[in-house]
Amino acid sequence: MTLPAPPQYSLDLTVEVEKNVNGIEMGVLENGIPYLTQTGLAALAGVARSIIFDLSQEWEQQFQDPIGTKTRSDFIRNYLFSAGYKESKLYIEISNSGIKYNAYPDIVCMAILEYYAFEARNKSALALENYRKFSTFGLQKFIYQSLGYTPGDKWKYYHERVSLLNDAPPPGYFIVFNETTGLIVDLINANLTVNHKTIPDISVGRAWGDYWRKCNLAATYGERVGFSHNYPPSFPQSASNPQPANAYPDAALGEFRRWFKGNYLMTKFPKYILSKANILPGGKGEALQIAGIYEQKLIK
């Protein structure tokens, strides 16, 4: 069976924290994914860095080939595919302080560690020692504790936006942000980091604005009006506050809700959530799962 090669993580992801801990280069990305650098993974597995490089090349070259049982590529692909990892690279390309390099997620590290602990012709005693340690303790927990990293409050950015009272719409009008809070809450509960890079109401607002103009809804419900929207100080967008936005007549609220459920969520939301796959811990698979949950909600 030939598997399609999915889109890759982008350089959009930023590094939350990174250090060299006892000779092991490790870090955590902004979405909470712990990783080892190529050098760090090689040190942990007790192999040369060139071997990790070769493994990465093999993965890309053989990604769509049938999986056998004889080679290291077969073992690692079977391990990771079974765990739901189906990215076409073993690493995430990131940039830190202007330097681009590769970050190997913890799930990839454990697959390679297990191979060199138990399956390789020339097994690594160090890989076996580290595998035993992390199979019970957990590599994610180890990286988090080594870096002193504590996952942040996933609701922080949402609460900051909600608390801006000056974003209340003019009397007799509604704003898209207030009408999409249910969607935003669902996305946060699904582990999507809703911050300055992920603002669902912008996607909804642009699509609704296009629909409003295309259908000339002002002729039916009255003209929309402008108002000033402000981002919290923690958002880079706040540097250009206030932001121009639109408020729509309350008379059009029923039309918006019908459009939102029957049009946006069905046709535009899947594309939006897939565009954010790079900041979901589960990548494209998790994005598809979120889209599927909404599809089932709408069918019911």
C-alpha atoms as a PDB file:
ATOM      1  CA  MET A   1       0.000   0.000   0.000  1.00  0.00           C
ATOM      2  CA  THR A   2       1.395   3.394  -0.993  1.00  0.00           C
ATOM      3  CA  LEU A   3       0.927   6.121   1.574  1.00  0.00           C
ATOM      4  CA  PRO A   4       0.571   9.751   0.453  1.00  0.00           C
ATOM      5  CA  ALA A   5       3.284  12.067   1.669  1.00  0.00           C
ATOM      6  CA  PRO A   6       1.625  14.679   3.909  1.00  0.00           C
ATOM      7  CA  PRO A   7       2.637  18.330   4.124  1.00  0.00           C
ATOM      8  CA  GLN A   8       5.520  19.028   6.465  1.00  0.00           C
ATOM      9  CA  TYR A   9       5.756  21.111   9.592  1.00  0.00           C
ATOM     10  CA  SER A  10       6.859  24.630   8.742  1.00  0.00           C
ATOM     11  CA  LEU A  11       9.465  26.920  10.248  1.00  0.00           C
ATOM     12  CA  ASP A  12       6.554  28.765  11.859  1.00  0.00           C
ATOM     13  CA  LEU A  13       7.142  26.883  15.090  1.00  0.00           C
ATOM     14  CA  THR A  14       9.318  28.713  17.565  1.00  0.00           C
ATOM     15  CA  VAL A  15      11.513  27.250  20.281  1.00  0.00           C
ATOM     16  CA  GLU A  16      10.145  27.770  23.774  1.00  0.00           C
ATOM     17  CA  VAL A  17      13.331  26.620  25.537  1.00  0.00           C
ATOM     18  CA  GLU A  18      16.495  24.794  24.482  1.00  0.00           C
ATOM     19  CA  LYS A  19      19.625  23.716  26.373  1.00  0.00           C
ATOM     20  CA  ASN A  20      22.519  21.304  26.345  1.00  0.00           C
ATOM     21  CA  VAL A  21      21.974  19.041  29.363  1.00  0.00           C
ATOM     22  CA  ASN A  22      24.924  16.779  30.177  1.00  0.00           C
ATOM     23  CA  GLY A  23      25.953  16.702  26.531  1.00  0.00           C
ATOM     24  CA  ILE A  24      22.421  16.125  25.205  1.00  0.00           C
ATOM     25  CA  GLU A  25      20.972  18.965  23.105  1.00  0.00           C
ATOM     26  CA  MET A  26      17.227  19.157  23.785  1.00  0.00           C
ATOM     27  CA  GLY A  27      14.343  21.606  23.717  1.00  0.00           C
ATOM     28  CA  VAL A  28      10.611  22.206  23.701  1.00  0.00           C
ATOM     29  CA  LEU A  29       8.662  23.862  20.876  1.00  0.00           C
ATOM     30  CA  GLU A  30       5.958  26.435  21.491  1.00  0.00           C
ATOM     31  CA  ASN A  31       3.226  23.798  21.141  1.00  0.00           C
ATOM     32  CA  GLY A  32       4.795  21.669  23.882  1.00  0.00           C
ATOM     33  CA  ILE A  33       6.508  19.076  21.642  1.00  0.00           C
ATOM     34  CA  PRO A  34       9.778  17.984  23.306  1.00  0.00           C
ATOM     35  CA  TYR A  35      12.659  17.239  20.962  1.00  0.00           C
ATOM     36  CA  LEU A  36      16.305  16.316  20.639  1.00  0.00           C
ATOM     37  CA  THR A  37      18.619  17.808  18.045  1.00  0.00           C
ATOM     38  CA  GLN A  38      20.370  15.453  15.639  1.00  0.00           C
ATOM     39  CA  THR A  39      23.477  15.697  17.820  1.00  0.00           C
ATOM     40  CA  GLY A  40      21.459  15.102  20.981  1.00  0.00           C
ATOM     41  CA  LEU A  41      19.696  12.044  19.562  1.00  0.00           C
ATOM     42  CA  ALA A  42      22.972  10.530  18.385  1.00  0.00           C
ATOM     43  CA  ALA A  43      24.474  11.001  21.848  1.00  0.00           C
ATOM     44  CA  LEU A  44      21.440   9.431  23.529  1.00  0.00           C
ATOM     45  CA  ALA A  45      21.488   6.416  21.210  1.00  0.00           C
ATOM     46  CA  GLY A  46      25.249   5.981  21.425  1.00  0.00           C
ATOM     47  CA  VAL A  47      25.771   6.230  17.662  1.00  0.00           C
ATOM     48  CA  ALA A  48      27.521   8.628  15.296  1.00  0.00           C
ATOM     49  CA  ARG A  49      25.590  11.693  14.191  1.00  0.00           C
ATOM     50  CA  SER A  50      26.055  10.556  10.592  1.00  0.00           C
ATOM     51  CA  ILE A  51      23.908   7.504  11.357  1.00  0.00           C
ATOM     52  CA  ILE A  52      20.967   9.695  12.409  1.00  0.00           C
ATOM     53  CA  PHE A  53      21.474  11.690   9.217  1.00  0.00           C
ATOM     54  CA  ASP A  54      21.424   8.496   7.152  1.00  0.00           C
ATOM     55  CA  LEU A  55      18.282   7.267   8.934  1.00  0.00           C
ATOM     56  CA  SER A  56      16.570  10.553   8.118  1.00  0.00           C
ATOM     57  CA  GLN A  57      17.501  10.202   4.451  1.00  0.00           C
ATOM     58  CA  GLU A  58      16.268   6.603   4.364  1.00  0.00           C
ATOM     59  CA  TRP A  59      12.936   7.649   5.854  1.00  0.00           C
ATOM     60  CA  GLU A  60      12.350  10.234   3.122  1.00  0.00           C
ATOM     61  CA  GLN A  61      13.480   7.916   0.315  1.00  0.00           C
ATOM     62  CA  GLN A  62      11.480   4.891   1.487  1.00  0.00           C
ATOM     63  CA  PHE A  63       8.496   6.633   3.086  1.00  0.00           C
ATOM     64  CA  GLN A  64       6.022   5.414   0.470  1.00  0.00           C
ATOM     65  CA  ASP A  65       7.572   1.955  -0.055  1.00  0.00           C
ATOM     66  CA  PRO A  66       5.917  -1.212   1.293  1.00  0.00           C
ATOM     67  CA  ILE A  67       7.081  -2.040   4.817  1.00  0.00           C
ATOM     68  CA  GLY A  68       9.073  -5.259   5.240  1.00  0.00           C
ATOM     69  CA  THR A  69      10.677  -6.753   8.344  1.00  0.00           C
ATOM     70  CA  LYS A  70      14.403  -6.860   7.622  1.00  0.00           C
ATOM     71  CA  THR A  71      15.877  -3.358   7.578  1.00  0.00           C
ATOM     72  CA  ARG A  72      16.178  -0.624  10.174  1.00  0.00           C
ATOM     73  CA  SER A  73      13.946   1.531   7.986  1.00  0.00           C
ATOM     74  CA  ASP A  74      11.278  -1.201   8.103  1.00  0.00           C
ATOM     75  CA  PHE A  75      11.444  -1.349  11.898  1.00  0.00           C
ATOM     76  CA  ILE A  76      11.293   2.413  12.401  1.00  0.00           C
ATOM     77  CA  ARG A  77       8.520   2.941   9.853  1.00  0.00           C
ATOM     78  CA  ASN A  78       6.435   0.155  11.366  1.00  0.00           C
ATOM     79  CA  TYR A  79       6.997   1.575  14.876  1.00  0.00           C
ATOM     80  CA  LEU A  80       6.097   5.140  13.947  1.00  0.00           C
ATOM     81  CA  PHE A  81       3.230   4.375  11.557  1.00  0.00           C
ATOM     82  CA  SER A  82       1.674   2.179  14.265  1.00  0.00           C
ATOM     83  CA  ALA A  83       1.999   5.089  16.688  1.00  0.00           C
ATOM     84  CA  GLY A  84       0.239   7.414  14.219  1.00  0.00           C
ATOM     85  CA  TYR A  85       3.352   9.302  13.083  1.00  0.00           C
ATOM     86  CA  LYS A  86       3.109   9.591   9.288  1.00  0.00           C
ATOM     87  CA  GLU A  87       5.072  12.742   8.508  1.00  0.00           C
ATOM     88  CA  SER A  88       7.365  12.482   5.486  1.00  0.00           C
ATOM     89  CA  LYS A  89      10.370  13.599   7.558  1.00  0.00           C
ATOM     90  CA  LEU A  90      11.673  12.270  10.865  1.00  0.00           C
ATOM     91  CA  TYR A  91      12.303  15.775  12.118  1.00  0.00           C
ATOM     92  CA  ILE A  92      10.700  19.193  12.328  1.00  0.00           C
ATOM     93  CA  GLU A  93      12.583  21.974  10.586  1.00  0.00           C
ATOM     94  CA  ILE A  94      12.920  24.881  12.990  1.00  0.00           C
ATOM     95  CA  SER A  95      14.775  28.139  13.301  1.00  0.00           C
ATOM     96  CA  ASN A  96      16.293  29.497  16.513  1.00  0.00           C
ATOM     97  CA  SER A  97      18.228  32.760  16.676  1.00  0.00           C
ATOM     98  CA  GLY A  98      18.408  32.774  12.891  1.00  0.00           C
ATOM     99  CA  ILE A  99      19.897  29.272  12.695  1.00  0.00           C
ATOM    100  CA  LYS A 100      17.912  26.550  10.921  1.00  0.00           C
ATOM    101  CA  TYR A 101      18.236  22.953  12.082  1.00  0.00           C
ATOM    102  CA  ASN A 102      16.286  19.760  12.713  1.00  0.00           C
ATOM    103  CA  ALA A 103      14.349  18.842  15.842  1.00  0.00           C
ATOM    104  CA  TYR A 104      13.483  15.166  16.338  1.00  0.00           C
ATOM    105  CA  PRO A 105      10.201  14.774  18.294  1.00  0.00           C
ATOM    106  CA  ASP A 106      10.237  12.503  21.337  1.00  0.00           C
ATOM    107  CA  ILE A 107       8.243   9.767  19.570  1.00  0.00           C
ATOM    108  CA  VAL A 108      10.882   9.553  16.821  1.00  0.00           C
ATOM    109  CA  CYS A 109      13.669   9.491  19.397  1.00  0.00           C
ATOM    110  CA  MET A 110      12.087   6.550  21.226  1.00  0.00           C
ATOM    111  CA  ALA A 111      11.715   4.588  17.968  1.00  0.00           C
ATOM    112  CA  ILE A 112      15.394   5.028  17.136  1.00  0.00           C
ATOM    113  CA  LEU A 113      16.417   4.334  20.728  1.00  0.00           C
ATOM    114  CA  GLU A 114      14.469   1.049  20.743  1.00  0.00           C
ATOM    115  CA  TYR A 115      16.003  -0.006  17.436  1.00  0.00           C
ATOM    116  CA  TYR A 116      19.581   0.457  18.654  1.00  0.00           C
ATOM    117  CA  ALA A 117      18.780  -1.086  22.034  1.00  0.00           C
ATOM    118  CA  PHE A 118      17.225  -4.319  20.710  1.00  0.00           C
ATOM    119  CA  GLU A 119      17.172  -4.673  16.924  1.00  0.00           C
ATOM    120  CA  ALA A 120      20.436  -3.393  15.447  1.00  0.00           C
ATOM    121  CA  ARG A 121      23.162  -5.840  14.406  1.00  0.00           C
ATOM    122  CA  ASN A 122      25.600  -3.793  16.489  1.00  0.00           C
ATOM    123  CA  LYS A 123      23.435  -2.998  19.502  1.00  0.00           C
ATOM    124  CA  SER A 124      24.254   0.025  21.627  1.00  0.00           C
ATOM    125  CA  ALA A 125      24.647  -0.530  25.373  1.00  0.00           C
ATOM    126  CA  LEU A 126      23.995   3.177  25.899  1.00  0.00           C
ATOM    127  CA  ALA A 127      20.789   3.009  23.860  1.00  0.00           C
ATOM    128  CA  LEU A 128      19.640   0.060  25.992  1.00  0.00           C
ATOM    129  CA  GLU A 129      20.415   1.917  29.223  1.00  0.00           C
ATOM    130  CA  ASN A 130      18.568   5.035  28.075  1.00  0.00           C
ATOM    131  CA  TYR A 131      15.663   3.062  26.617  1.00  0.00           C
ATOM    132  CA  ARG A 132      15.071   1.346  29.961  1.00  0.00           C
ATOM    133  CA  LYS A 133      15.157   4.687  31.708  1.00  0.00           C
ATOM    134  CA  PHE A 134      12.728   6.439  29.361  1.00  0.00           C
ATOM    135  CA  SER A 135      10.330   3.539  28.787  1.00  0.00           C
ATOM    136  CA  THR A 136       9.164   3.936  32.387  1.00  0.00           C
ATOM    137  CA  PHE A 137       9.992   7.561  33.173  1.00  0.00           C
ATOM    138  CA  GLY A 138       9.091   8.975  29.748  1.00  0.00           C
ATOM    139  CA  LEU A 139      11.331  10.988  27.437  1.00  0.00           C
ATOM    140  CA  GLN A 140       8.882  13.888  27.426  1.00  0.00           C
ATOM    141  CA  LYS A 141       8.947  14.076  31.216  1.00  0.00           C
ATOM    142  CA  PHE A 142      12.741  13.836  31.203  1.00  0.00           C
ATOM    143  CA  ILE A 143      13.121  16.722  28.742  1.00  0.00           C
ATOM    144  CA  TYR A 144      10.541  18.847  30.558  1.00  0.00           C
ATOM    145  CA  GLN A 145      12.249  18.340  33.931  1.00  0.00           C
ATOM    146  CA  SER A 146      15.764  18.781  32.533  1.00  0.00           C
ATOM    147  CA  LEU A 147      14.800  22.131  31.021  1.00  0.00           C
ATOM    148  CA  GLY A 148      12.641  23.261  33.935  1.00  0.00           C
ATOM    149  CA  TYR A 149       9.760  23.562  31.496  1.00  0.00           C
ATOM    150  CA  THR A 150       6.171  23.692  32.697  1.00  0.00           C
ATOM    151  CA  PRO A 151       3.391  23.701  30.100  1.00  0.00           C
ATOM    152  CA  GLY A 152       1.657  27.067  30.181  1.00  0.00           C
ATOM    153  CA  ASP A 153      -1.979  27.918  30.691  1.00  0.00           C
ATOM    154  CA  LYS A 154      -3.618  27.042  27.377  1.00  0.00           C
ATOM    155  CA  TRP A 155      -6.479  29.444  28.174  1.00  0.00           C
ATOM    156  CA  LYS A 156      -4.229  32.461  28.781  1.00  0.00           C
ATOM    157  CA  TYR A 157      -4.553  34.122  25.351  1.00  0.00           C
ATOM    158  CA  TYR A 158      -8.282  33.485  25.118  1.00  0.00           C
ATOM    159  CA  HIS A 159      -8.968  34.982  28.542  1.00  0.00           C
ATOM    160  CA  GLU A 160      -6.856  38.022  27.710  1.00  0.00           C
ATOM    161  CA  ARG A 161      -8.962  38.726  24.622  1.00  0.00           C
ATOM    162  CA  VAL A 162     -12.262  38.135  26.403  1.00  0.00           C
ATOM    163  CA  SER A 163     -11.251  40.552  29.162  1.00  0.00           C
ATOM    164  CA  LEU A 164     -10.995  43.526  26.769  1.00  0.00           C
ATOM    165  CA  LEU A 165     -14.294  45.237  27.542  1.00  0.00           C
ATOM    166  CA  ASN A 166     -13.729  47.987  24.970  1.00  0.00           C
ATOM    167  CA  ASP A 167     -14.315  45.410  22.245  1.00  0.00           C
ATOM    168  CA  ALA A 168     -18.023  45.277  23.019  1.00  0.00           C
ATOM    169  CA  PRO A 169     -20.079  45.842  19.841  1.00  0.00           C
ATOM    170  CA  PRO A 170     -22.203  48.978  19.398  1.00  0.00           C
ATOM    171  CA  PRO A 171     -25.817  48.564  20.623  1.00  0.00           C
ATOM    172  CA  GLY A 172     -27.899  46.642  18.088  1.00  0.00           C
ATOM    173  CA  TYR A 173     -24.897  44.931  16.473  1.00  0.00           C
ATOM    174  CA  PHE A 174     -22.931  41.722  16.935  1.00  0.00           C
ATOM    175  CA  ILE A 175     -19.290  40.886  16.298  1.00  0.00           C
ATOM    176  CA  VAL A 176     -17.814  37.674  14.930  1.00  0.00           C
ATOM    177  CA  PHE A 177     -15.512  37.074  17.916  1.00  0.00           C
ATOM    178  CA  ASN A 178     -18.435  36.811  20.333  1.00  0.00           C
ATOM    179  CA  GLU A 179     -20.226  34.413  18.004  1.00  0.00           C
ATOM    180  CA  THR A 180     -17.245  32.100  17.589  1.00  0.00           C
ATOM    181  CA  THR A 181     -16.263  31.638  21.236  1.00  0.00           C
ATOM    182  CA  GLY A 182     -17.735  28.118  21.191  1.00  0.00           C
ATOM    183  CA  LEU A 183     -15.467  27.162  18.307  1.00  0.00           C
ATOM    184  CA  ILE A 184     -12.427  28.714  20.006  1.00  0.00           C
ATOM    185  CA  VAL A 185     -13.153  26.861  23.259  1.00  0.00           C
ATOM    186  CA  ASP A 186     -13.468  23.578  21.349  1.00  0.00           C
ATOM    187  CA  LEU A 187     -10.123  24.166  19.639  1.00  0.00           C
ATOM    188  CA  ILE A 188      -8.375  24.907  22.931  1.00  0.00           C
ATOM    189  CA  ASN A 189      -9.866  21.762  24.457  1.00  0.00           C
ATOM    190  CA  ALA A 190      -8.512  19.874  21.436  1.00  0.00           C
ATOM    191  CA  ASN A 191      -5.001  21.143  22.314  1.00  0.00           C
ATOM    192  CA  LEU A 192      -4.688  23.747  19.561  1.00  0.00           C
ATOM    193  CA  THR A 193      -2.616  26.642  20.850  1.00  0.00           C
ATOM    194  CA  VAL A 194      -4.924  29.605  20.242  1.00  0.00           C
ATOM    195  CA  ASN A 195      -2.541  32.536  20.397  1.00  0.00           C
ATOM    196  CA  HIS A 196      -1.286  35.363  18.157  1.00  0.00           C
ATOM    197  CA  LYS A 197      -0.643  32.841  15.346  1.00  0.00           C
ATOM    198  CA  THR A 198      -4.016  31.140  15.591  1.00  0.00           C
ATOM    199  CA  ILE A 199      -6.972  33.526  15.623  1.00  0.00           C
ATOM    200  CA  PRO A 200      -9.999  31.576  14.350  1.00  0.00           C
ATOM    201  CA  ASP A 201     -12.339  34.581  14.333  1.00  0.00           C
ATOM    202  CA  ILE A 202     -10.182  36.246  11.665  1.00  0.00           C
ATOM    203  CA  SER A 203     -10.752  33.268   9.360  1.00  0.00           C
ATOM    204  CA  VAL A 204     -14.481  33.331  10.106  1.00  0.00           C
ATOM    205  CA  GLY A 205     -14.694  37.133   9.819  1.00  0.00           C
ATOM    206  CA  ARG A 206     -13.040  37.263   6.404  1.00  0.00           C
ATOM    207  CA  ALA A 207     -15.224  34.487   5.015  1.00  0.00           C
ATOM    208  CA  TRP A 208     -18.391  36.062   6.457  1.00  0.00           C
ATOM    209  CA  GLY A 209     -17.410  39.477   5.086  1.00  0.00           C
ATOM    210  CA  ASP A 210     -17.012  37.970   1.606  1.00  0.00           C
ATOM    211  CA  TYR A 211     -20.403  36.266   1.909  1.00  0.00           C
ATOM    212  CA  TRP A 212     -21.991  39.500   3.179  1.00  0.00           C
ATOM    213  CA  ARG A 213     -20.789  41.457   0.157  1.00  0.00           C
ATOM    214  CA  LYS A 214     -21.431  38.717  -2.388  1.00  0.00           C
ATOM    215  CA  CYS A 215     -25.053  38.279  -1.262  1.00  0.00           C
ATOM    216  CA  ASN A 216     -25.610  42.030  -0.726  1.00  0.00           C
ATOM    217  CA  LEU A 217     -26.987  41.316   2.749  1.00  0.00           C
ATOM    218  CA  ALA A 218     -26.828  45.001   3.638  1.00  0.00           C
ATOM    219  CA  ALA A 219     -29.893  45.480   1.429  1.00  0.00           C
ATOM    220  CA  THR A 220     -31.797  43.034   3.641  1.00  0.00           C
ATOM    221  CA  TYR A 221     -30.438  43.694   7.128  1.00  0.00           C
ATOM    222  CA  GLY A 222     -28.895  47.162   6.983  1.00  0.00           C
ATOM    223  CA  GLU A 223     -25.305  48.318   6.738  1.00  0.00           C
ATOM    224  CA  ARG A 224     -22.555  46.929   8.949  1.00  0.00           C
ATOM    225  CA  VAL A 225     -20.594  49.486  10.971  1.00  0.00           C
ATOM    226  CA  GLY A 226     -16.946  49.828  11.853  1.00  0.00           C
ATOM    227  CA  PHE A 227     -15.614  49.637  15.401  1.00  0.00           C
ATOM    228  CA  SER A 228     -12.191  49.457  17.029  1.00  0.00           C
ATOM    229  CA  HIS A 229     -10.806  46.110  18.123  1.00  0.00           C
ATOM    230  CA  ASN A 230      -7.745  45.868  20.379  1.00  0.00           C
ATOM    231  CA  TYR A 231      -5.406  42.942  20.889  1.00  0.00           C
ATOM    232  CA  PRO A 232      -3.963  42.291  24.373  1.00  0.00           C
ATOM    233  CA  PRO A 233      -0.421  43.563  25.062  1.00  0.00           C
ATOM    234  CA  SER A 234       0.924  39.977  24.845  1.00  0.00           C
ATOM    235  CA  PHE A 235      -0.085  39.815  21.157  1.00  0.00           C
ATOM    236  CA  PRO A 236       2.426  41.301  18.659  1.00  0.00           C
ATOM    237  CA  GLN A 237      -0.599  42.695  16.777  1.00  0.00           C
ATOM    238  CA  SER A 238      -1.173  45.086  19.702  1.00  0.00           C
ATOM    239  CA  ALA A 239       1.644  47.280  18.374  1.00  0.00           C
ATOM    240  CA  SER A 240      -0.793  48.599  15.741  1.00  0.00           C
ATOM    241  CA  ASN A 241      -3.879  48.878  17.984  1.00  0.00           C
ATOM    242  CA  PRO A 242      -6.640  49.797  17.508  1.00  0.00           C
ATOM    243  CA  GLN A 243      -7.553  47.430  14.685  1.00  0.00           C
ATOM    244  CA  PRO A 244     -10.455  48.246  12.342  1.00  0.00           C
ATOM    245  CA  ALA A 245     -13.235  45.642  12.471  1.00  0.00           C
ATOM    246  CA  ASN A 246     -16.878  45.289  11.494  1.00  0.00           C
ATOM    247  CA  ALA A 247     -20.018  44.850  13.556  1.00  0.00           C
ATOM    248  CA  TYR A 248     -23.160  43.484  11.925  1.00  0.00           C
ATOM    249  CA  PRO A 249     -26.839  44.294  12.570  1.00  0.00           C
ATOM    250  CA  ASP A 250     -28.489  42.002  15.126  1.00  0.00           C
ATOM    251  CA  ALA A 251     -31.180  41.369  12.511  1.00  0.00           C
ATOM    252  CA  ALA A 252     -28.592  39.363  10.551  1.00  0.00           C
ATOM    253  CA  LEU A 253     -27.619  37.146  13.495  1.00  0.00           C
ATOM    254  CA  GLY A 254     -29.833  34.237  12.392  1.00  0.00           C
ATOM    255  CA  GLU A 255     -28.374  34.455   8.879  1.00  0.00           C
ATOM    256  CA  PHE A 256     -24.826  34.422  10.294  1.00  0.00           C
ATOM    257  CA  ARG A 257     -25.483  31.353  12.446  1.00  0.00           C
ATOM    258  CA  ARG A 258     -27.014  29.438   9.532  1.00  0.00           C
ATOM    259  CA  TRP A 259     -24.058  30.400   7.325  1.00  0.00           C
ATOM    260  CA  PHE A 260     -21.529  29.552  10.047  1.00  0.00           C
ATOM    261  CA  LYS A 261     -22.904  26.047  10.602  1.00  0.00           C
ATOM    262  CA  GLY A 262     -23.925  25.189   7.064  1.00  0.00           C
ATOM    263  CA  ASN A 263     -21.184  26.921   5.082  1.00  0.00           C
ATOM    264  CA  TYR A 264     -18.083  27.845   7.072  1.00  0.00           C
ATOM    265  CA  LEU A 265     -17.797  24.745   9.268  1.00  0.00           C
ATOM    266  CA  MET A 266     -18.585  22.427   6.371  1.00  0.00           C
ATOM    267  CA  THR A 267     -16.415  23.920   3.632  1.00  0.00           C
ATOM    268  CA  LYS A 268     -13.841  26.338   5.063  1.00  0.00           C
ATOM    269  CA  PHE A 269     -13.040  25.129   8.590  1.00  0.00           C
ATOM    270  CA  PRO A 270     -11.332  21.861   7.507  1.00  0.00           C
ATOM    271  CA  LYS A 271      -8.878  23.825   5.343  1.00  0.00           C
ATOM    272  CA  TYR A 272      -8.273  26.290   8.197  1.00  0.00           C
ATOM    273  CA  ILE A 273      -7.560  23.636  10.817  1.00  0.00           C
ATOM    274  CA  LEU A 274      -5.232  21.770   8.446  1.00  0.00           C
ATOM    275  CA  SER A 275      -3.271  24.988   7.971  1.00  0.00           C
ATOM    276  CA  LYS A 276      -2.637  24.919  11.732  1.00  0.00           C
ATOM    277  CA  ALA A 277      -1.469  21.298  11.838  1.00  0.00           C
ATOM    278  CA  ASN A 278       2.110  22.410  12.431  1.00  0.00           C
ATOM    279  CA  ILE A 279       1.275  23.775  15.897  1.00  0.00           C
ATOM    280  CA  LEU A 280      -0.792  20.802  17.005  1.00  0.00           C
ATOM    281  CA  PRO A 281       1.186  18.257  19.041  1.00  0.00           C
ATOM    282  CA  GLY A 282      -0.369  15.496  16.915  1.00  0.00           C
ATOM    283  CA  GLY A 283       0.297  17.267  13.615  1.00  0.00           C
ATOM    284  CA  LYS A 284      -1.852  16.566  10.579  1.00  0.00           C
ATOM    285  CA  GLY A 285      -3.464  13.517  12.176  1.00  0.00           C
ATOM    286  CA  GLU A 286      -4.791  15.575  15.056  1.00  0.00           C
ATOM    287  CA  ALA A 287      -6.007  18.305  12.685  1.00  0.00           C
ATOM    288  CA  LEU A 288      -7.960  15.738  10.686  1.00  0.00           C
ATOM    289  CA  GLN A 289      -9.416  14.363  13.908  1.00  0.00           C
ATOM    290  CA  ILE A 290     -10.631  17.837  14.945  1.00  0.00           C
ATOM    291  CA  ALA A 291     -12.161  18.395  11.513  1.00  0.00           C
ATOM    292  CA  GLY A 292     -13.840  14.995  11.765  1.00  0.00           C
ATOM    293  CA  ILE A 293     -15.323  15.804  15.167  1.00  0.00           C
ATOM    294  CA  TYR A 294     -16.957  18.919  13.734  1.00  0.00           C
ATOM    295  CA  GLU A 295     -18.225  16.989  10.731  1.00  0.00           C
ATOM    296  CA  GLN A 296     -19.933  14.501  13.046  1.00  0.00           C
ATOM    297  CA  LYS A 297     -21.436  17.318  15.106  1.00  0.00           C
ATOM    298  CA  LEU A 298     -22.945  18.860  11.987  1.00  0.00           C
ATOM    299  CA  ILE A 299     -24.296  15.555  10.690  1.00  0.00           C
ATOM    300  CA  LYS A 300     -26.091  15.016  13.990  1.00  0.00           C
END
